[in-house]
Amino acid sequence: MKTTVGAYEAKTHLPKLLERVSKGDRIIITKHGVPVAVLQGFDAKSQVNLDEVIADIKAFRAKITSSGPTIREMIEEGRR
């Protein structure tokens, strides 16, 4: 169930809202009628394993080759 509450109400009734979120509700918090935040349950499955991401980036970088100038050469060229 999706509900909208004002920021003051969210601050005042946070424990009750957290209880509802733990049961599956999704709560949109507004400020002066404008949505500013979403209070929803934590999904541990959606967390990213940083070690895997770093390994993927390193593997990707290892595949890239450049026959052009180095970064240092480009910096020096820009200073001339």
PDB file of N, CA and C in Angstrom:
ATOM      1  N   MET A   1       0.836  -1.179   0.000  1.00  0.00           N
ATOM      2  CA  MET A   1       0.000   0.000   0.000  1.00  0.00           C
ATOM      3  C   MET A   1       0.880   1.241   0.000  1.00  0.00           C
ATOM      4  N   LYS A   2       0.523   2.228  -0.808  1.00  0.00           N
ATOM      5  CA  LYS A   2       1.296   3.463  -0.904  1.00  0.00           C
ATOM      6  C   LYS A   2       0.521   4.572  -0.201  1.00  0.00           C
ATOM      7  N   THR A   3       1.202   5.318   0.658  1.00  0.00           N
ATOM      8  CA  THR A   3       0.588   6.382   1.423  1.00  0.00           C
ATOM      9  C   THR A   3       1.444   7.630   1.311  1.00  0.00           C
ATOM     10  N   THR A   4       0.805   8.782   1.436  1.00  0.00           N
ATOM     11  CA  THR A   4       1.528  10.046   1.442  1.00  0.00           C
ATOM     12  C   THR A   4       1.332  10.715   2.793  1.00  0.00           C
ATOM     13  N   VAL A   5       2.431  11.178   3.389  1.00  0.00           N
ATOM     14  CA  VAL A   5       2.356  11.903   4.655  1.00  0.00           C
ATOM     15  C   VAL A   5       3.239  13.140   4.576  1.00  0.00           C
ATOM     16  N   GLY A   6       2.885  14.154   5.336  1.00  0.00           N
ATOM     17  CA  GLY A   6       3.697  15.364   5.407  1.00  0.00           C
ATOM     18  C   GLY A   6       4.942  15.135   6.235  1.00  0.00           C
ATOM     19  N   ALA A   7       5.923  15.997   6.051  1.00  0.00           N
ATOM     20  CA  ALA A   7       7.203  15.860   6.758  1.00  0.00           C
ATOM     21  C   ALA A   7       7.017  15.955   8.272  1.00  0.00           C
ATOM     22  N   TYR A   8       6.176  16.858   8.731  1.00  0.00           N
ATOM     23  CA  TYR A   8       5.954  16.998  10.172  1.00  0.00           C
ATOM     24  C   TYR A   8       5.337  15.719  10.735  1.00  0.00           C
ATOM     25  N   GLU A   9       4.335  15.195  10.042  1.00  0.00           N
ATOM     26  CA  GLU A   9       3.691  13.959  10.493  1.00  0.00           C
ATOM     27  C   GLU A   9       4.692  12.802  10.489  1.00  0.00           C
ATOM     28  N   ALA A  10       5.534  12.752   9.462  1.00  0.00           N
ATOM     29  CA  ALA A  10       6.541  11.688   9.388  1.00  0.00           C
ATOM     30  C   ALA A  10       7.493  11.763  10.573  1.00  0.00           C
ATOM     31  N   LYS A  11       7.899  12.988  10.918  1.00  0.00           N
ATOM     32  CA  LYS A  11       8.806  13.165  12.056  1.00  0.00           C
ATOM     33  C   LYS A  11       8.116  12.769  13.363  1.00  0.00           C
ATOM     34  N   THR A  12       6.883  13.174  13.494  1.00  0.00           N
ATOM     35  CA  THR A  12       6.142  12.933  14.725  1.00  0.00           C
ATOM     36  C   THR A  12       5.790  11.462  14.922  1.00  0.00           C
ATOM     37  N   HIS A  13       5.482  10.774  13.826  1.00  0.00           N
ATOM     38  CA  HIS A  13       4.993   9.396  13.905  1.00  0.00           C
ATOM     39  C   HIS A  13       5.953   8.387  13.266  1.00  0.00           C
ATOM     40  N   LEU A  14       7.235   8.695  13.273  1.00  0.00           N
ATOM     41  CA  LEU A  14       8.210   7.826  12.612  1.00  0.00           C
ATOM     42  C   LEU A  14       8.154   6.372  13.078  1.00  0.00           C
ATOM     43  N   PRO A  15       8.086   6.082  14.364  1.00  0.00           N
ATOM     44  CA  PRO A  15       8.027   4.670  14.767  1.00  0.00           C
ATOM     45  C   PRO A  15       6.826   3.919  14.165  1.00  0.00           C
ATOM     46  N   LYS A  16       5.669   4.572  14.115  1.00  0.00           N
ATOM     47  CA  LYS A  16       4.488   3.939  13.519  1.00  0.00           C
ATOM     48  C   LYS A  16       4.676   3.724  12.023  1.00  0.00           C
ATOM     49  N   LEU A  17       5.279   4.720  11.357  1.00  0.00           N
ATOM     50  CA  LEU A  17       5.524   4.595   9.922  1.00  0.00           C
ATOM     51  C   LEU A  17       6.519   3.476   9.632  1.00  0.00           C
ATOM     52  N   LEU A  18       7.550   3.359  10.465  1.00  0.00           N
ATOM     53  CA  LEU A  18       8.524   2.283  10.278  1.00  0.00           C
ATOM     54  C   LEU A  18       7.876   0.917  10.454  1.00  0.00           C
ATOM     55  N   GLU A  19       6.953   0.824  11.383  1.00  0.00           N
ATOM     56  CA  GLU A  19       6.222  -0.431  11.573  1.00  0.00           C
ATOM     57  C   GLU A  19       5.423  -0.786  10.319  1.00  0.00           C
ATOM     58  N   ARG A  20       4.777   0.220   9.738  1.00  0.00           N
ATOM     59  CA  ARG A  20       4.005  -0.021   8.506  1.00  0.00           C
ATOM     60  C   ARG A  20       4.920  -0.428   7.355  1.00  0.00           C
ATOM     61  N   VAL A  21       6.079   0.239   7.258  1.00  0.00           N
ATOM     62  CA  VAL A  21       7.037  -0.085   6.202  1.00  0.00           C
ATOM     63  C   VAL A  21       7.540  -1.512   6.368  1.00  0.00           C
ATOM     64  N   SER A  22       7.776  -1.929   7.594  1.00  0.00           N
ATOM     65  CA  SER A  22       8.259  -3.293   7.824  1.00  0.00           C
ATOM     66  C   SER A  22       7.229  -4.332   7.399  1.00  0.00           C
ATOM     67  N   LYS A  23       5.970  -3.915   7.295  1.00  0.00           N
ATOM     68  CA  LYS A  23       4.905  -4.819   6.840  1.00  0.00           C
ATOM     69  C   LYS A  23       4.649  -4.711   5.339  1.00  0.00           C
ATOM     70  N   GLY A  24       5.450  -3.902   4.646  1.00  0.00           N
ATOM     71  CA  GLY A  24       5.350  -3.849   3.191  1.00  0.00           C
ATOM     72  C   GLY A  24       4.815  -2.558   2.610  1.00  0.00           C
ATOM     73  N   ASP A  25       4.404  -1.607   3.444  1.00  0.00           N
ATOM     74  CA  ASP A  25       3.913  -0.333   2.926  1.00  0.00           C
ATOM     75  C   ASP A  25       5.057   0.486   2.346  1.00  0.00           C
ATOM     76  N   ARG A  26       4.716   1.367   1.450  1.00  0.00           N
ATOM     77  CA  ARG A  26       5.659   2.329   0.869  1.00  0.00           C
ATOM     78  C   ARG A  26       5.063   3.697   1.134  1.00  0.00           C
ATOM     79  N   ILE A  27       5.813   4.593   1.770  1.00  0.00           N
ATOM     80  CA  ILE A  27       5.278   5.872   2.207  1.00  0.00           C
ATOM     81  C   ILE A  27       6.046   7.006   1.539  1.00  0.00           C
ATOM     82  N   ILE A  28       5.304   7.892   0.894  1.00  0.00           N
ATOM     83  CA  ILE A  28       5.896   9.065   0.262  1.00  0.00           C
ATOM     84  C   ILE A  28       5.797  10.221   1.253  1.00  0.00           C
ATOM     85  N   ILE A  29       6.915  10.873   1.503  1.00  0.00           N
ATOM     86  CA  ILE A  29       6.952  11.997   2.433  1.00  0.00           C
ATOM     87  C   ILE A  29       6.974  13.283   1.610  1.00  0.00           C
ATOM     88  N   THR A  30       6.073  14.202   1.959  1.00  0.00           N
ATOM     89  CA  THR A  30       5.961  15.452   1.218  1.00  0.00           C
ATOM     90  C   THR A  30       6.331  16.633   2.108  1.00  0.00           C
ATOM     91  N   LYS A  31       6.713  17.706   1.460  1.00  0.00           N
ATOM     92  CA  LYS A  31       6.961  18.966   2.148  1.00  0.00           C
ATOM     93  C   LYS A  31       6.185  20.030   1.387  1.00  0.00           C
ATOM     94  N   HIS A  32       5.201  20.594   2.047  1.00  0.00           N
ATOM     95  CA  HIS A  32       4.300  21.559   1.421  1.00  0.00           C
ATOM     96  C   HIS A  32       3.629  20.952   0.193  1.00  0.00           C
ATOM     97  N   GLY A  33       3.278  19.673   0.294  1.00  0.00           N
ATOM     98  CA  GLY A  33       2.565  18.996  -0.774  1.00  0.00           C
ATOM     99  C   GLY A  33       3.430  18.458  -1.906  1.00  0.00           C
ATOM    100  N   VAL A  34       4.730  18.704  -1.832  1.00  0.00           N
ATOM    101  CA  VAL A  34       5.653  18.257  -2.885  1.00  0.00           C
ATOM    102  C   VAL A  34       6.411  17.028  -2.381  1.00  0.00           C
ATOM    103  N   PRO A  35       6.378  15.913  -3.117  1.00  0.00           N
ATOM    104  CA  PRO A  35       7.114  14.717  -2.685  1.00  0.00           C
ATOM    105  C   PRO A  35       8.614  14.995  -2.595  1.00  0.00           C
ATOM    106  N   VAL A  36       9.207  14.614  -1.463  1.00  0.00           N
ATOM    107  CA  VAL A  36      10.645  14.834  -1.273  1.00  0.00           C
ATOM    108  C   VAL A  36      11.408  13.564  -0.904  1.00  0.00           C
ATOM    109  N   ALA A  37      10.689  12.527  -0.453  1.00  0.00           N
ATOM    110  CA  ALA A  37      11.379  11.301  -0.040  1.00  0.00           C
ATOM    111  C   ALA A  37      10.412  10.131  -0.071  1.00  0.00           C
ATOM    112  N   VAL A  38      10.991   8.937  -0.096  1.00  0.00           N
ATOM    113  CA  VAL A  38      10.207   7.711  -0.039  1.00  0.00           C
ATOM    114  C   VAL A  38      10.746   6.874   1.112  1.00  0.00           C
ATOM    115  N   LEU A  39       9.842   6.418   1.943  1.00  0.00           N
ATOM    116  CA  LEU A  39      10.194   5.528   3.045  1.00  0.00           C
ATOM    117  C   LEU A  39       9.709   4.144   2.646  1.00  0.00           C
ATOM    118  N   GLN A  40      10.649   3.231   2.427  1.00  0.00           N
ATOM    119  CA  GLN A  40      10.279   1.884   2.002  1.00  0.00           C
ATOM    120  C   GLN A  40      11.212   0.879   2.637  1.00  0.00           C
ATOM    121  N   GLY A  41      10.809  -0.362   2.604  1.00  0.00           N
ATOM    122  CA  GLY A  41      11.582  -1.425   3.214  1.00  0.00           C
ATOM    123  C   GLY A  41      12.943  -1.600   2.565  1.00  0.00           C
ATOM    124  N   PHE A  42      13.862  -2.119   3.351  1.00  0.00           N
ATOM    125  CA  PHE A  42      15.221  -2.378   2.886  1.00  0.00           C
ATOM    126  C   PHE A  42      15.270  -3.738   2.220  1.00  0.00           C
ATOM    127  N   ASP A  43      15.864  -3.791   1.037  1.00  0.00           N
ATOM    128  CA  ASP A  43      15.981  -5.037   0.296  1.00  0.00           C
ATOM    129  C   ASP A  43      17.457  -5.421   0.218  1.00  0.00           C
ATOM    130  N   ALA A  44      17.876  -6.342   1.067  1.00  0.00           N
ATOM    131  CA  ALA A  44      19.286  -6.741   1.118  1.00  0.00           C
ATOM    132  C   ALA A  44      19.742  -7.360  -0.198  1.00  0.00           C
ATOM    133  N   LYS A  45      18.827  -7.955  -0.956  1.00  0.00           N
ATOM    134  CA  LYS A  45      19.202  -8.581  -2.227  1.00  0.00           C
ATOM    135  C   LYS A  45      19.648  -7.553  -3.260  1.00  0.00           C
ATOM    136  N   SER A  46      19.191  -6.304  -3.127  1.00  0.00           N
ATOM    137  CA  SER A  46      19.520  -5.290  -4.118  1.00  0.00           C
ATOM    138  C   SER A  46      20.859  -4.612  -3.856  1.00  0.00           C
ATOM    139  N   GLN A  47      21.535  -4.959  -2.779  1.00  0.00           N
ATOM    140  CA  GLN A  47      22.817  -4.355  -2.459  1.00  0.00           C
ATOM    141  C   GLN A  47      23.895  -4.870  -3.404  1.00  0.00           C
ATOM    142  N   VAL A  48      24.798  -3.990  -3.776  1.00  0.00           N
ATOM    143  CA  VAL A  48      25.869  -4.312  -4.706  1.00  0.00           C
ATOM    144  C   VAL A  48      27.099  -4.764  -3.929  1.00  0.00           C
ATOM    145  N   ASN A  49      27.734  -5.822  -4.400  1.00  0.00           N
ATOM    146  CA  ASN A  49      28.981  -6.291  -3.803  1.00  0.00           C
ATOM    147  C   ASN A  49      30.113  -5.443  -4.390  1.00  0.00           C
ATOM    148  N   LEU A  50      30.694  -4.567  -3.566  1.00  0.00           N
ATOM    149  CA  LEU A  50      31.708  -3.638  -4.063  1.00  0.00           C
ATOM    150  C   LEU A  50      32.946  -4.341  -4.589  1.00  0.00           C
ATOM    151  N   ASP A  51      33.331  -5.449  -3.981  1.00  0.00           N
ATOM    152  CA  ASP A  51      34.498  -6.186  -4.470  1.00  0.00           C
ATOM    153  C   ASP A  51      34.273  -6.665  -5.904  1.00  0.00           C
ATOM    154  N   GLU A  52      33.050  -7.117  -6.210  1.00  0.00           N
ATOM    155  CA  GLU A  52      32.738  -7.560  -7.569  1.00  0.00           C
ATOM    156  C   GLU A  52      32.755  -6.392  -8.546  1.00  0.00           C
ATOM    157  N   VAL A  53      32.226  -5.256  -8.135  1.00  0.00           N
ATOM    158  CA  VAL A  53      32.214  -4.078  -9.001  1.00  0.00           C
ATOM    159  C   VAL A  53      33.637  -3.633  -9.310  1.00  0.00           C
ATOM    160  N   ILE A  54      34.485  -3.591  -8.292  1.00  0.00           N
ATOM    161  CA  ILE A  54      35.884  -3.190  -8.507  1.00  0.00           C
ATOM    162  C   ILE A  54      36.593  -4.168  -9.429  1.00  0.00           C
ATOM    163  N   ALA A  55      36.353  -5.454  -9.247  1.00  0.00           N
ATOM    164  CA  ALA A  55      36.964  -6.460 -10.122  1.00  0.00           C
ATOM    165  C   ALA A  55      36.480  -6.282 -11.556  1.00  0.00           C
ATOM    166  N   ASP A  56      35.199  -5.998 -11.747  1.00  0.00           N
ATOM    167  CA  ASP A  56      34.656  -5.769 -13.090  1.00  0.00           C
ATOM    168  C   ASP A  56      35.295  -4.546 -13.744  1.00  0.00           C
ATOM    169  N   ILE A  57      35.468  -3.482 -12.986  1.00  0.00           N
ATOM    170  CA  ILE A  57      36.080  -2.264 -13.529  1.00  0.00           C
ATOM    171  C   ILE A  57      37.529  -2.531 -13.925  1.00  0.00           C
ATOM    172  N   LYS A  58      38.258  -3.242 -13.071  1.00  0.00           N
ATOM    173  CA  LYS A  58      39.653  -3.549 -13.391  1.00  0.00           C
ATOM    174  C   LYS A  58      39.751  -4.428 -14.637  1.00  0.00           C
ATOM    175  N   ALA A  59      38.850  -5.394 -14.770  1.00  0.00           N
ATOM    176  CA  ALA A  59      38.853  -6.256 -15.955  1.00  0.00           C
ATOM    177  C   ALA A  59      38.534  -5.445 -17.205  1.00  0.00           C
ATOM    178  N   PHE A  60      37.595  -4.527 -17.103  1.00  0.00           N
ATOM    179  CA  PHE A  60      37.245  -3.675 -18.234  1.00  0.00           C
ATOM    180  C   PHE A  60      38.417  -2.795 -18.632  1.00  0.00           C
ATOM    181  N   ARG A  61      39.086  -2.188 -17.642  1.00  0.00           N
ATOM    182  CA  ARG A  61      40.220  -1.321 -17.928  1.00  0.00           C
ATOM    183  C   ARG A  61      41.373  -2.090 -18.566  1.00  0.00           C
ATOM    184  N   ALA A  62      41.544  -3.352 -18.192  1.00  0.00           N
ATOM    185  CA  ALA A  62      42.631  -4.155 -18.747  1.00  0.00           C
ATOM    186  C   ALA A  62      42.424  -4.408 -20.237  1.00  0.00           C
ATOM    187  N   LYS A  63      41.181  -4.392 -20.680  1.00  0.00           N
ATOM    188  CA  LYS A  63      40.880  -4.635 -22.096  1.00  0.00           C
ATOM    189  C   LYS A  63      41.106  -3.403 -22.970  1.00  0.00           C
ATOM    190  N   ILE A  64      41.146  -2.228 -22.367  1.00  0.00           N
ATOM    191  CA  ILE A  64      41.258  -0.986 -23.130  1.00  0.00           C
ATOM    192  C   ILE A  64      42.721  -0.699 -23.435  1.00  0.00           C
ATOM    193  N   THR A  65      42.999  -0.430 -24.695  1.00  0.00           N
ATOM    194  CA  THR A  65      44.348  -0.038 -25.099  1.00  0.00           C
ATOM    195  C   THR A  65      44.264   1.293 -25.826  1.00  0.00           C
ATOM    196  N   SER A  66      45.296   2.061 -25.719  1.00  0.00           N
ATOM    197  CA  SER A  66      45.318   3.359 -26.372  1.00  0.00           C
ATOM    198  C   SER A  66      46.644   3.522 -27.087  1.00  0.00           C
ATOM    199  N   SER A  67      46.551   3.896 -28.342  1.00  0.00           N
ATOM    200  CA  SER A  67      47.772   4.136 -29.095  1.00  0.00           C
ATOM    201  C   SER A  67      48.039   5.632 -29.197  1.00  0.00           C
ATOM    202  N   GLY A  68      47.168   6.421 -28.581  1.00  0.00           N
ATOM    203  CA  GLY A  68      47.309   7.873 -28.609  1.00  0.00           C
ATOM    204  C   GLY A  68      48.226   8.363 -27.517  1.00  0.00           C
ATOM    205  N   PRO A  69      48.236   9.676 -27.331  1.00  0.00           N
ATOM    206  CA  PRO A  69      49.110  10.262 -26.306  1.00  0.00           C
ATOM    207  C   PRO A  69      48.655   9.874 -24.901  1.00  0.00           C
ATOM    208  N   THR A  70      49.591   9.910 -23.973  1.00  0.00           N
ATOM    209  CA  THR A  70      49.257   9.629 -22.573  1.00  0.00           C
ATOM    210  C   THR A  70      48.575  10.863 -21.981  1.00  0.00           C
ATOM    211  N   ILE A  71      47.985  10.687 -20.837  1.00  0.00           N
ATOM    212  CA  ILE A  71      47.341  11.812 -20.167  1.00  0.00           C
ATOM    213  C   ILE A  71      48.372  12.887 -19.853  1.00  0.00           C
ATOM    214  N   ARG A  72      49.537  12.473 -19.390  1.00  0.00           N
ATOM    215  CA  ARG A  72      50.610  13.426 -19.077  1.00  0.00           C
ATOM    216  C   ARG A  72      50.976  14.230 -20.319  1.00  0.00           C
ATOM    217  N   GLU A  73      51.086  13.581 -21.476  1.00  0.00           N
ATOM    218  CA  GLU A  73      51.418  14.286 -22.724  1.00  0.00           C
ATOM    219  C   GLU A  73      50.331  15.276 -23.095  1.00  0.00           C
ATOM    220  N   MET A  74      49.073  14.905 -22.892  1.00  0.00           N
ATOM    221  CA  MET A  74      47.982  15.824 -23.205  1.00  0.00           C
ATOM    222  C   MET A  74      47.988  17.028 -22.269  1.00  0.00           C
ATOM    223  N   ILE A  75      48.307  16.803 -20.996  1.00  0.00           N
ATOM    224  CA  ILE A  75      48.386  17.912 -20.040  1.00  0.00           C
ATOM    225  C   ILE A  75      49.492  18.871 -20.446  1.00  0.00           C
ATOM    226  N   GLU A  76      50.654  18.310 -20.776  1.00  0.00           N
ATOM    227  CA  GLU A  76      51.778  19.138 -21.183  1.00  0.00           C
ATOM    228  C   GLU A  76      51.459  19.897 -22.473  1.00  0.00           C
ATOM    229  N   GLU A  77      50.763  19.279 -23.404  1.00  0.00           N
ATOM    230  CA  GLU A  77      50.387  19.938 -24.658  1.00  0.00           C
ATOM    231  C   GLU A  77      49.466  21.127 -24.367  1.00  0.00           C
ATOM    232  N   GLY A  78      48.581  20.965 -23.405  1.00  0.00           N
ATOM    233  CA  GLY A  78      47.658  22.042 -23.048  1.00  0.00           C
ATOM    234  C   GLY A  78      48.343  23.208 -22.388  1.00  0.00           C
ATOM    235  N   ARG A  79      49.501  23.005 -21.807  1.00  0.00           N
ATOM    236  CA  ARG A  79      50.239  24.070 -21.130  1.00  0.00           C
ATOM    237  C   ARG A  79      51.065  24.913 -22.078  1.00  0.00           C
ATOM    238  N   ARG A  80      51.213  24.483 -23.296  1.00  0.00           N
ATOM    239  CA  ARG A  80      52.058  25.214 -24.261  1.00  0.00           C
ATOM    240  C   ARG A  80      51.322  26.370 -24.866  1.00  0.00           C
TER     241      ARG A  80
END
